[in-house]
N, C-alpha and C. Protein backbone atom coordinates (compact mmCIF):
# COMPACT_ATOMS: atom_id res chain seq x y z
N UNK A 1 175.34 151.55 -105.08
CA UNK A 1 176.56 150.83 -105.44
C UNK A 1 177.11 150.20 -104.16
N UNK A 2 177.26 148.91 -104.16
CA UNK A 2 177.54 148.15 -102.94
C UNK A 2 178.92 148.39 -102.34
N UNK A 3 179.91 148.76 -103.14
CA UNK A 3 181.26 148.94 -102.60
C UNK A 3 181.63 150.41 -102.41
N UNK A 4 180.67 151.32 -102.54
CA UNK A 4 180.94 152.75 -102.43
C UNK A 4 180.88 153.20 -100.97
N UNK A 5 181.95 153.81 -100.50
CA UNK A 5 182.04 154.30 -99.13
C UNK A 5 180.89 155.26 -98.80
N UNK A 6 180.63 156.22 -99.69
CA UNK A 6 179.59 157.21 -99.38
C UNK A 6 178.18 156.62 -99.48
N UNK A 7 177.97 155.63 -100.34
CA UNK A 7 176.68 154.94 -100.36
C UNK A 7 176.45 154.24 -99.02
N UNK A 8 177.51 153.65 -98.47
CA UNK A 8 177.40 152.97 -97.18
C UNK A 8 177.14 153.96 -96.05
N UNK A 9 177.77 155.13 -96.11
CA UNK A 9 177.51 156.16 -95.09
C UNK A 9 176.06 156.63 -95.21
N UNK A 10 175.61 156.89 -96.44
CA UNK A 10 174.24 157.36 -96.66
C UNK A 10 173.22 156.33 -96.17
N UNK A 11 173.54 155.06 -96.32
CA UNK A 11 172.63 153.98 -95.89
C UNK A 11 172.72 153.69 -94.39
N UNK A 12 173.66 154.34 -93.70
CA UNK A 12 173.84 154.11 -92.27
C UNK A 12 174.64 152.88 -91.93
N UNK A 13 175.28 152.27 -92.93
CA UNK A 13 176.09 151.07 -92.70
C UNK A 13 177.46 151.41 -92.11
N UNK A 14 177.92 152.62 -92.34
CA UNK A 14 179.17 153.12 -91.77
C UNK A 14 178.82 154.36 -90.97
N UNK A 15 179.25 154.44 -89.71
CA UNK A 15 178.89 155.61 -88.90
C UNK A 15 179.57 156.87 -89.37
N UNK A 16 178.90 157.99 -89.15
CA UNK A 16 179.46 159.30 -89.46
C UNK A 16 178.87 160.29 -88.46
N UNK A 17 179.50 161.43 -88.37
CA UNK A 17 178.99 162.50 -87.51
C UNK A 17 178.11 163.39 -88.39
N UNK A 18 176.83 163.02 -88.47
CA UNK A 18 175.90 163.69 -89.37
C UNK A 18 175.52 165.07 -88.88
N UNK A 19 175.43 165.97 -89.85
CA UNK A 19 174.98 167.34 -89.62
C UNK A 19 173.53 167.48 -90.07
N UNK A 20 173.16 166.68 -91.08
CA UNK A 20 171.84 166.82 -91.70
C UNK A 20 171.52 165.56 -92.48
N UNK A 21 170.22 165.24 -92.59
CA UNK A 21 169.79 164.15 -93.44
C UNK A 21 168.34 164.33 -93.82
N UNK A 22 168.03 164.04 -95.09
CA UNK A 22 166.66 163.99 -95.56
C UNK A 22 166.56 162.85 -96.58
N UNK A 23 165.48 162.80 -97.34
CA UNK A 23 165.29 161.69 -98.28
C UNK A 23 166.28 161.71 -99.45
N UNK A 24 166.81 162.88 -99.79
CA UNK A 24 167.67 163.01 -100.97
C UNK A 24 169.15 163.07 -100.68
N UNK A 25 169.52 163.57 -99.51
CA UNK A 25 170.95 163.78 -99.24
C UNK A 25 171.26 163.69 -97.76
N UNK A 26 172.54 163.67 -97.46
CA UNK A 26 172.97 163.77 -96.07
C UNK A 26 174.27 164.58 -96.03
N UNK A 27 174.52 165.14 -94.88
CA UNK A 27 175.72 165.95 -94.65
C UNK A 27 176.38 165.42 -93.38
N UNK A 28 177.71 165.35 -93.43
CA UNK A 28 178.45 164.84 -92.28
C UNK A 28 179.83 165.48 -92.25
N UNK A 29 180.42 165.53 -91.05
CA UNK A 29 181.74 166.14 -90.90
C UNK A 29 182.82 165.26 -91.52
N UNK A 30 183.79 165.90 -92.16
CA UNK A 30 184.90 165.21 -92.79
C UNK A 30 185.80 164.59 -91.71
N UNK A 31 186.28 163.37 -91.95
CA UNK A 31 187.13 162.70 -90.96
C UNK A 31 188.55 163.25 -90.96
N UNK A 32 188.91 164.02 -91.99
CA UNK A 32 190.23 164.65 -92.06
C UNK A 32 190.04 166.13 -92.42
N UNK A 33 189.51 166.91 -91.47
CA UNK A 33 189.13 168.29 -91.79
C UNK A 33 190.31 169.16 -92.23
N UNK A 34 190.04 169.97 -93.25
CA UNK A 34 191.04 170.89 -93.79
C UNK A 34 190.76 172.33 -93.39
N UNK A 35 189.77 172.52 -92.53
CA UNK A 35 189.41 173.84 -92.01
C UNK A 35 188.68 173.60 -90.69
N UNK A 36 188.56 174.64 -89.84
CA UNK A 36 187.84 174.46 -88.58
C UNK A 36 186.42 173.90 -88.75
N UNK A 37 185.73 174.32 -89.80
CA UNK A 37 184.46 173.71 -90.16
C UNK A 37 184.67 173.05 -91.52
N UNK A 38 184.41 171.76 -91.60
CA UNK A 38 184.57 171.02 -92.86
C UNK A 38 183.60 169.85 -92.85
N UNK A 39 182.54 170.00 -93.63
CA UNK A 39 181.59 168.91 -93.77
C UNK A 39 181.35 168.63 -95.25
N UNK A 40 180.81 167.45 -95.51
CA UNK A 40 180.50 167.01 -96.87
C UNK A 40 178.99 166.89 -97.01
N UNK A 41 178.49 167.20 -98.19
CA UNK A 41 177.09 166.96 -98.50
C UNK A 41 177.06 166.05 -99.72
N UNK A 42 176.33 164.93 -99.59
CA UNK A 42 176.28 163.93 -100.65
C UNK A 42 174.84 163.57 -100.99
N UNK A 43 174.60 163.20 -102.24
CA UNK A 43 173.28 162.65 -102.56
C UNK A 43 173.21 161.21 -102.06
N UNK A 44 172.04 160.75 -101.68
CA UNK A 44 171.88 159.35 -101.29
C UNK A 44 171.95 158.45 -102.52
N UNK A 45 171.50 158.97 -103.65
CA UNK A 45 171.61 158.26 -104.92
C UNK A 45 173.06 158.28 -105.36
N UNK A 46 173.55 157.18 -105.89
CA UNK A 46 174.94 157.16 -106.37
C UNK A 46 175.04 157.91 -107.69
N UNK A 47 175.76 159.01 -107.65
CA UNK A 47 176.13 159.78 -108.84
C UNK A 47 177.65 159.87 -108.75
N UNK A 48 178.36 159.51 -109.78
CA UNK A 48 179.82 159.42 -109.69
C UNK A 48 180.49 160.75 -109.42
N UNK A 49 180.10 161.81 -110.12
CA UNK A 49 180.71 163.13 -109.93
C UNK A 49 179.86 164.17 -110.64
N UNK A 50 180.31 165.42 -110.59
CA UNK A 50 179.62 166.50 -111.29
C UNK A 50 179.49 166.17 -112.78
N UNK A 51 180.45 165.44 -113.32
CA UNK A 51 180.41 165.11 -114.75
C UNK A 51 179.22 164.24 -115.12
N UNK A 52 178.54 163.66 -114.14
CA UNK A 52 177.38 162.82 -114.43
C UNK A 52 176.06 163.46 -114.01
N UNK A 53 176.08 164.76 -113.74
CA UNK A 53 174.84 165.47 -113.45
C UNK A 53 174.10 165.66 -114.78
N UNK A 54 172.81 165.30 -114.77
CA UNK A 54 172.01 165.42 -115.98
C UNK A 54 170.57 165.76 -115.61
N UNK A 55 169.69 165.74 -116.59
CA UNK A 55 168.29 166.09 -116.36
C UNK A 55 167.60 165.20 -115.35
N UNK A 56 168.04 163.96 -115.23
CA UNK A 56 167.40 163.03 -114.30
C UNK A 56 167.77 163.29 -112.84
N UNK A 57 168.94 163.90 -112.59
CA UNK A 57 169.37 164.10 -111.20
C UNK A 57 169.64 165.56 -110.84
N UNK A 58 169.39 166.47 -111.77
CA UNK A 58 169.71 167.88 -111.50
C UNK A 58 168.88 168.46 -110.35
N UNK A 59 167.67 167.99 -110.13
CA UNK A 59 166.87 168.49 -109.01
C UNK A 59 167.53 168.12 -107.68
N UNK A 60 168.10 166.93 -107.61
CA UNK A 60 168.79 166.50 -106.39
C UNK A 60 169.99 167.40 -106.12
N UNK A 61 170.74 167.72 -107.16
CA UNK A 61 171.92 168.58 -107.00
C UNK A 61 171.49 169.98 -106.58
N UNK A 62 170.43 170.51 -107.17
CA UNK A 62 169.91 171.81 -106.74
C UNK A 62 169.48 171.78 -105.29
N UNK A 63 168.85 170.70 -104.88
CA UNK A 63 168.44 170.53 -103.48
C UNK A 63 169.67 170.55 -102.56
N UNK A 64 170.74 169.88 -102.98
CA UNK A 64 171.97 169.85 -102.18
C UNK A 64 172.49 171.27 -101.95
N UNK A 65 172.47 172.10 -102.98
CA UNK A 65 172.94 173.48 -102.81
C UNK A 65 172.04 174.28 -101.87
N UNK A 66 170.74 174.01 -101.89
CA UNK A 66 169.84 174.66 -100.92
C UNK A 66 170.16 174.19 -99.51
N UNK A 67 170.49 172.91 -99.35
CA UNK A 67 170.88 172.38 -98.04
C UNK A 67 172.18 173.02 -97.58
N UNK A 68 173.15 173.19 -98.48
CA UNK A 68 174.40 173.85 -98.12
C UNK A 68 174.13 175.26 -97.62
N UNK A 69 173.29 176.01 -98.31
CA UNK A 69 172.96 177.37 -97.88
C UNK A 69 172.29 177.36 -96.51
N UNK A 70 171.35 176.45 -96.32
CA UNK A 70 170.64 176.35 -95.04
C UNK A 70 171.59 176.00 -93.89
N UNK A 71 172.41 174.96 -94.09
CA UNK A 71 173.33 174.55 -93.03
C UNK A 71 174.34 175.64 -92.71
N UNK A 72 174.83 176.32 -93.73
CA UNK A 72 175.80 177.39 -93.50
C UNK A 72 175.20 178.50 -92.65
N UNK A 73 173.94 178.83 -92.90
CA UNK A 73 173.25 179.83 -92.07
C UNK A 73 173.07 179.32 -90.65
N UNK A 74 172.61 178.07 -90.52
CA UNK A 74 172.38 177.49 -89.19
C UNK A 74 173.66 177.39 -88.37
N UNK A 75 174.78 177.13 -89.05
CA UNK A 75 176.07 177.02 -88.35
C UNK A 75 176.76 178.37 -88.18
N UNK A 76 176.14 179.43 -88.68
CA UNK A 76 176.70 180.77 -88.52
C UNK A 76 177.92 181.04 -89.39
N UNK A 77 178.01 180.37 -90.53
CA UNK A 77 179.16 180.57 -91.41
C UNK A 77 178.92 181.80 -92.27
N UNK A 78 179.74 182.82 -92.07
CA UNK A 78 179.60 184.04 -92.86
C UNK A 78 180.31 183.93 -94.19
N UNK A 79 181.35 183.12 -94.23
CA UNK A 79 182.16 182.96 -95.43
C UNK A 79 182.58 181.50 -95.50
N UNK A 80 182.44 180.92 -96.67
CA UNK A 80 182.79 179.50 -96.81
C UNK A 80 183.10 179.19 -98.26
N UNK A 81 183.73 178.04 -98.47
CA UNK A 81 184.06 177.56 -99.80
C UNK A 81 183.37 176.22 -100.02
N UNK A 82 182.81 176.04 -101.23
CA UNK A 82 182.22 174.77 -101.63
C UNK A 82 183.08 174.20 -102.74
N UNK A 83 183.53 172.95 -102.56
CA UNK A 83 184.45 172.33 -103.50
C UNK A 83 183.93 170.96 -103.91
N UNK A 84 184.03 170.66 -105.19
CA UNK A 84 183.78 169.30 -105.67
C UNK A 84 184.90 168.94 -106.63
N UNK A 85 185.60 167.87 -106.35
CA UNK A 85 186.68 167.39 -107.21
C UNK A 85 186.10 166.37 -108.18
N UNK A 86 186.51 166.47 -109.44
CA UNK A 86 185.99 165.59 -110.47
C UNK A 86 187.16 164.85 -111.11
N UNK A 87 187.29 163.57 -110.78
CA UNK A 87 188.35 162.74 -111.35
C UNK A 87 189.59 162.66 -110.47
N UNK A 88 190.38 161.66 -110.74
CA UNK A 88 191.58 161.38 -109.94
C UNK A 88 192.58 162.53 -109.94
N UNK A 89 192.86 163.10 -111.09
CA UNK A 89 193.86 164.18 -111.16
C UNK A 89 193.43 165.41 -110.37
N UNK A 90 192.13 165.61 -110.23
CA UNK A 90 191.61 166.73 -109.45
C UNK A 90 191.53 166.42 -107.96
N UNK A 91 191.83 165.18 -107.59
CA UNK A 91 191.84 164.82 -106.18
C UNK A 91 190.60 164.11 -105.69
N UNK A 92 189.74 163.64 -106.59
CA UNK A 92 188.55 162.92 -106.15
C UNK A 92 188.97 161.53 -105.69
N UNK A 93 188.88 161.28 -104.39
CA UNK A 93 189.30 159.99 -103.85
C UNK A 93 188.13 159.03 -103.64
N UNK A 94 186.91 159.56 -103.51
CA UNK A 94 185.71 158.73 -103.43
C UNK A 94 184.85 159.10 -104.64
N UNK A 95 184.58 158.14 -105.48
CA UNK A 95 183.87 158.41 -106.73
C UNK A 95 182.36 158.33 -106.54
N UNK A 96 181.91 159.23 -105.69
CA UNK A 96 180.48 159.47 -105.40
C UNK A 96 180.40 160.98 -105.25
N UNK A 97 179.48 161.61 -105.98
CA UNK A 97 179.36 163.06 -105.94
C UNK A 97 179.32 163.56 -104.50
N UNK A 98 180.17 164.52 -104.19
CA UNK A 98 180.14 165.13 -102.86
C UNK A 98 180.68 166.54 -102.94
N UNK A 99 180.18 167.36 -102.06
CA UNK A 99 180.58 168.76 -101.98
C UNK A 99 181.18 169.00 -100.60
N UNK A 100 182.43 169.47 -100.59
CA UNK A 100 183.09 169.87 -99.36
C UNK A 100 182.63 171.29 -99.04
N UNK A 101 182.28 171.54 -97.80
CA UNK A 101 181.99 172.90 -97.34
C UNK A 101 183.02 173.20 -96.27
N UNK A 102 183.85 174.21 -96.53
CA UNK A 102 184.96 174.56 -95.64
C UNK A 102 184.82 176.00 -95.18
N UNK A 103 185.09 176.25 -93.90
CA UNK A 103 184.98 177.60 -93.35
C UNK A 103 185.84 177.71 -92.09
N UNK A 104 186.07 178.94 -91.68
CA UNK A 104 186.76 179.18 -90.42
C UNK A 104 188.23 179.51 -90.56
N UNK A 105 188.72 179.66 -91.78
CA UNK A 105 190.10 180.08 -92.00
C UNK A 105 190.16 180.78 -93.35
N UNK A 106 191.24 181.52 -93.57
CA UNK A 106 191.44 182.15 -94.86
C UNK A 106 191.67 181.08 -95.92
N UNK A 107 191.02 181.22 -97.03
CA UNK A 107 191.19 180.31 -98.16
C UNK A 107 192.07 180.98 -99.20
N UNK A 108 193.11 180.30 -99.59
CA UNK A 108 194.03 180.89 -100.58
C UNK A 108 193.50 180.65 -101.99
N UNK A 109 194.00 181.45 -102.92
CA UNK A 109 193.65 181.29 -104.33
C UNK A 109 194.88 181.56 -105.15
N UNK A 110 195.24 180.77 -106.10
CA UNK A 110 194.48 179.59 -106.49
C UNK A 110 194.68 178.45 -105.52
N UNK A 111 193.69 177.56 -105.42
CA UNK A 111 193.80 176.43 -104.52
C UNK A 111 194.80 175.40 -105.05
N UNK A 112 195.34 174.60 -104.12
CA UNK A 112 196.18 173.46 -104.41
C UNK A 112 197.12 173.64 -105.53
């Protein structure tokens, strides 16, 4: 999608502080971190949100969760939260599937 911020980051058209990249996804640090460690993991393919995960893209989403587990181990994160907002009311500001990984502080419940 040509006007999508995260598609442009995935394509390298907009710079980011990347943590990881492969053929299916990339991970980069959030520009407005909400925890001492806060990075995003996104598919390179444009998927609007979790609500559009289906049989055609579920392998990519499973791969993303394996990447999250791997990166968390590599970064020494013993405890972390994975968040995906779906829709405007839930706080999704970029309509491209992404998972926030936050760590390094106490996380309250319920959130927000």
